[in-house]
Amino acid sequence: MESVLDRRFELSDLLDAAVIGDVVQAASSCFDLGITIIDLEGRETLTVCPDHEFCLSAKGPGGPGRCNEVKAKLASQPLDEGQVLQIKSFCGLRYAIFPLSYQLDLLGRIVVGPFRDPGTSP
């Protein structure tokens, strides 16, 4: 029989999307950034993303496919605990990926973006 102490938690066991949704929405509005929480299976648990004018224009011909490629990379890029990654999208905007862990177990990732480097234009 497995001990409760040996049990491996999943993100859905610890995250109440209704409660954290308000906090993530406030942070997204404050910094004008998208924030997505993704579990280990690559499922988006929570997504708050303001519609940036540039992102809307990228949804023209060929844009959605390229955007989906970036989303897939954000969800599947190998991530070690304690490692923060940056992914550059096809249009030059960046995303930051932070590990989400509990008691040394990796549970998923938090993706922040898109954003651009200061002094550059998309």
C-alpha atoms as a PDB file:
ATOM      1  CA  MET A   1       0.000   0.000   0.000  1.00  0.00           C
ATOM      2  CA  GLU A   2       1.293   3.437  -0.974  1.00  0.00           C
ATOM      3  CA  SER A   3       1.877   5.911   1.822  1.00  0.00           C
ATOM      4  CA  VAL A   4       0.301   9.359   1.567  1.00  0.00           C
ATOM      5  CA  LEU A   5       3.810  10.746   1.990  1.00  0.00           C
ATOM      6  CA  ASP A   6       4.968   8.912  -1.147  1.00  0.00           C
ATOM      7  CA  ARG A   7       2.046  10.081  -3.262  1.00  0.00           C
ATOM      8  CA  ARG A   8       2.947  12.225  -6.255  1.00  0.00           C
ATOM      9  CA  PHE A   9       0.626  15.187  -6.634  1.00  0.00           C
ATOM     10  CA  GLU A  10      -0.639  16.542  -9.926  1.00  0.00           C
ATOM     11  CA  LEU A  11      -1.246  20.186 -10.673  1.00  0.00           C
ATOM     12  CA  SER A  12      -5.023  19.672 -10.667  1.00  0.00           C
ATOM     13  CA  ASP A  13      -4.791  18.331  -7.079  1.00  0.00           C
ATOM     14  CA  LEU A  14      -3.249  21.561  -5.804  1.00  0.00           C
ATOM     15  CA  LEU A  15      -4.570  24.299  -8.071  1.00  0.00           C
ATOM     16  CA  ASP A  16      -8.046  25.762  -7.742  1.00  0.00           C
ATOM     17  CA  ALA A  17      -8.460  27.517 -11.109  1.00  0.00           C
ATOM     18  CA  ALA A  18     -11.422  29.575  -9.873  1.00  0.00           C
ATOM     19  CA  VAL A  19      -9.424  31.039  -6.989  1.00  0.00           C
ATOM     20  CA  ILE A  20      -6.120  31.579  -8.787  1.00  0.00           C
ATOM     21  CA  GLY A  21      -7.916  32.871 -11.888  1.00  0.00           C
ATOM     22  CA  ASP A  22      -8.629  36.240 -10.257  1.00  0.00           C
ATOM     23  CA  VAL A  23      -5.006  36.635  -9.176  1.00  0.00           C
ATOM     24  CA  VAL A  24      -3.671  35.712 -12.621  1.00  0.00           C
ATOM     25  CA  GLN A  25      -6.200  38.025 -14.312  1.00  0.00           C
ATOM     26  CA  ALA A  26      -5.101  40.930 -12.091  1.00  0.00           C
ATOM     27  CA  ALA A  27      -1.404  40.285 -12.811  1.00  0.00           C
ATOM     28  CA  SER A  28      -2.085  39.996 -16.539  1.00  0.00           C
ATOM     29  CA  SER A  29      -4.019  43.275 -16.565  1.00  0.00           C
ATOM     30  CA  CYS A  30      -1.410  45.060 -14.471  1.00  0.00           C
ATOM     31  CA  PHE A  31       1.530  44.102 -16.689  1.00  0.00           C
ATOM     32  CA  ASP A  32      -0.371  43.699 -19.996  1.00  0.00           C
ATOM     33  CA  LEU A  33       1.068  40.200 -20.448  1.00  0.00           C
ATOM     34  CA  GLY A  34      -0.428  36.836 -21.163  1.00  0.00           C
ATOM     35  CA  ILE A  35      -0.093  34.197 -18.454  1.00  0.00           C
ATOM     36  CA  THR A  36      -0.746  30.501 -19.025  1.00  0.00           C
ATOM     37  CA  ILE A  37      -0.446  27.620 -16.564  1.00  0.00           C
ATOM     38  CA  ILE A  38       0.268  24.270 -18.247  1.00  0.00           C
ATOM     39  CA  ASP A  39       0.376  20.849 -16.556  1.00  0.00           C
ATOM     40  CA  LEU A  40       2.918  18.099 -17.279  1.00  0.00           C
ATOM     41  CA  GLU A  41       0.664  16.598 -19.942  1.00  0.00           C
ATOM     42  CA  GLY A  42       0.705  19.881 -21.894  1.00  0.00           C
ATOM     43  CA  ARG A  43      -2.888  20.802 -21.013  1.00  0.00           C
ATOM     44  CA  GLU A  44      -3.606  24.477 -20.420  1.00  0.00           C
ATOM     45  CA  THR A  45      -5.051  24.672 -16.916  1.00  0.00           C
ATOM     46  CA  LEU A  46      -5.526  28.436 -16.976  1.00  0.00           C
ATOM     47  CA  THR A  47      -4.978  31.008 -19.721  1.00  0.00           C
ATOM     48  CA  VAL A  48      -5.314  34.776 -19.458  1.00  0.00           C
ATOM     49  CA  CYS A  49      -4.053  36.561 -22.530  1.00  0.00           C
ATOM     50  CA  PRO A  50      -4.925  40.109 -23.560  1.00  0.00           C
ATOM     51  CA  ASP A  51      -5.476  40.524 -27.298  1.00  0.00           C
ATOM     52  CA  HIS A  52      -2.431  42.414 -28.469  1.00  0.00           C
ATOM     53  CA  GLU A  53      -2.900  44.236 -31.761  1.00  0.00           C
ATOM     54  CA  PHE A  54       0.142  42.529 -33.247  1.00  0.00           C
ATOM     55  CA  CYS A  55      -1.073  39.061 -32.260  1.00  0.00           C
ATOM     56  CA  LEU A  56      -4.406  39.746 -33.932  1.00  0.00           C
ATOM     57  CA  SER A  57      -2.676  40.820 -37.157  1.00  0.00           C
ATOM     58  CA  ALA A  58      -0.512  37.657 -37.112  1.00  0.00           C
ATOM     59  CA  LYS A  59      -3.670  35.593 -37.418  1.00  0.00           C
ATOM     60  CA  GLY A  60      -3.838  36.359 -41.151  1.00  0.00           C
ATOM     61  CA  PRO A  61      -3.013  33.739 -43.817  1.00  0.00           C
ATOM     62  CA  GLY A  62      -0.521  31.235 -42.396  1.00  0.00           C
ATOM     63  CA  GLY A  63      -0.475  32.977 -39.030  1.00  0.00           C
ATOM     64  CA  PRO A  64      -2.633  30.544 -37.033  1.00  0.00           C
ATOM     65  CA  GLY A  65      -0.457  27.578 -38.001  1.00  0.00           C
ATOM     66  CA  ARG A  66       2.693  29.383 -36.961  1.00  0.00           C
ATOM     67  CA  CYS A  67       1.066  30.542 -33.712  1.00  0.00           C
ATOM     68  CA  ASN A  68       0.037  26.945 -32.961  1.00  0.00           C
ATOM     69  CA  GLU A  69       3.635  25.792 -33.529  1.00  0.00           C
ATOM     70  CA  VAL A  70       4.833  28.315 -30.942  1.00  0.00           C
ATOM     71  CA  LYS A  71       2.121  27.209 -28.472  1.00  0.00           C
ATOM     72  CA  ALA A  72       3.117  23.565 -28.924  1.00  0.00           C
ATOM     73  CA  LYS A  73       6.772  24.429 -28.298  1.00  0.00           C
ATOM     74  CA  LEU A  74       5.852  26.382 -25.149  1.00  0.00           C
ATOM     75  CA  ALA A  75       4.002  23.346 -23.774  1.00  0.00           C
ATOM     76  CA  SER A  76       6.560  20.700 -24.749  1.00  0.00           C
ATOM     77  CA  GLN A  77      10.004  22.308 -24.462  1.00  0.00           C
ATOM     78  CA  PRO A  78      12.033  20.226 -21.963  1.00  0.00           C
ATOM     79  CA  LEU A  79      12.259  22.073 -18.667  1.00  0.00           C
ATOM     80  CA  ASP A  80      14.400  21.180 -15.676  1.00  0.00           C
ATOM     81  CA  GLU A  81      13.416  22.216 -12.185  1.00  0.00           C
ATOM     82  CA  GLY A  82      14.842  25.635 -11.393  1.00  0.00           C
ATOM     83  CA  GLN A  83      15.483  26.437 -15.060  1.00  0.00           C
ATOM     84  CA  VAL A  84      13.822  29.421 -16.734  1.00  0.00           C
ATOM     85  CA  LEU A  85      13.633  29.396 -20.529  1.00  0.00           C
ATOM     86  CA  GLN A  86      12.909  32.012 -23.140  1.00  0.00           C
ATOM     87  CA  ILE A  87      11.333  31.068 -26.450  1.00  0.00           C
ATOM     88  CA  LYS A  88      11.387  33.457 -29.384  1.00  0.00           C
ATOM     89  CA  SER A  89       8.340  33.275 -31.639  1.00  0.00           C
ATOM     90  CA  PHE A  90       8.356  33.557 -35.424  1.00  0.00           C
ATOM     91  CA  CYS A  91       7.582  37.280 -35.199  1.00  0.00           C
ATOM     92  CA  GLY A  92      10.366  38.177 -32.756  1.00  0.00           C
ATOM     93  CA  LEU A  93       8.254  38.371 -29.606  1.00  0.00           C
ATOM     94  CA  ARG A  94       9.405  36.330 -26.609  1.00  0.00           C
ATOM     95  CA  TYR A  95       7.852  34.084 -23.996  1.00  0.00           C
ATOM     96  CA  ALA A  96       9.350  33.135 -20.616  1.00  0.00           C
ATOM     97  CA  ILE A  97       8.722  29.654 -19.214  1.00  0.00           C
ATOM     98  CA  PHE A  98       9.009  29.064 -15.459  1.00  0.00           C
ATOM     99  CA  PRO A  99       8.857  25.643 -13.779  1.00  0.00           C
ATOM    100  CA  LEU A 100       5.975  25.053 -11.383  1.00  0.00           C
ATOM    101  CA  SER A 101       6.916  22.633  -8.621  1.00  0.00           C
ATOM    102  CA  TYR A 102       5.714  21.402  -5.256  1.00  0.00           C
ATOM    103  CA  GLN A 103       8.007  19.657  -2.762  1.00  0.00           C
ATOM    104  CA  LEU A 104      10.713  19.147  -5.407  1.00  0.00           C
ATOM    105  CA  ASP A 105       8.258  17.567  -7.885  1.00  0.00           C
ATOM    106  CA  LEU A 106       7.773  19.317 -11.204  1.00  0.00           C
ATOM    107  CA  LEU A 107       4.010  19.810 -11.735  1.00  0.00           C
ATOM    108  CA  GLY A 108       3.934  21.978 -14.831  1.00  0.00           C
ATOM    109  CA  ARG A 109       4.958  25.372 -16.114  1.00  0.00           C
ATOM    110  CA  ILE A 110       3.927  28.999 -16.141  1.00  0.00           C
ATOM    111  CA  VAL A 111       4.272  30.761 -19.484  1.00  0.00           C
ATOM    112  CA  VAL A 112       4.448  34.562 -19.531  1.00  0.00           C
ATOM    113  CA  GLY A 113       4.181  36.539 -22.749  1.00  0.00           C
ATOM    114  CA  PRO A 114       4.325  37.539 -25.452  1.00  0.00           C
ATOM    115  CA  PHE A 115       6.594  40.481 -24.794  1.00  0.00           C
ATOM    116  CA  ARG A 116       9.266  42.260 -26.765  1.00  0.00           C
ATOM    117  CA  ASP A 117      12.716  43.351 -25.785  1.00  0.00           C
ATOM    118  CA  PRO A 118      12.944  47.037 -24.820  1.00  0.00           C
ATOM    119  CA  GLY A 119      13.998  49.230 -27.718  1.00  0.00           C
ATOM    120  CA  THR A 120      12.868  46.805 -30.412  1.00  0.00           C
ATOM    121  CA  SER A 121       9.791  46.779 -32.558  1.00  0.00           C
ATOM    122  CA  PRO A 122       7.961  43.651 -33.690  1.00  0.00           C
END
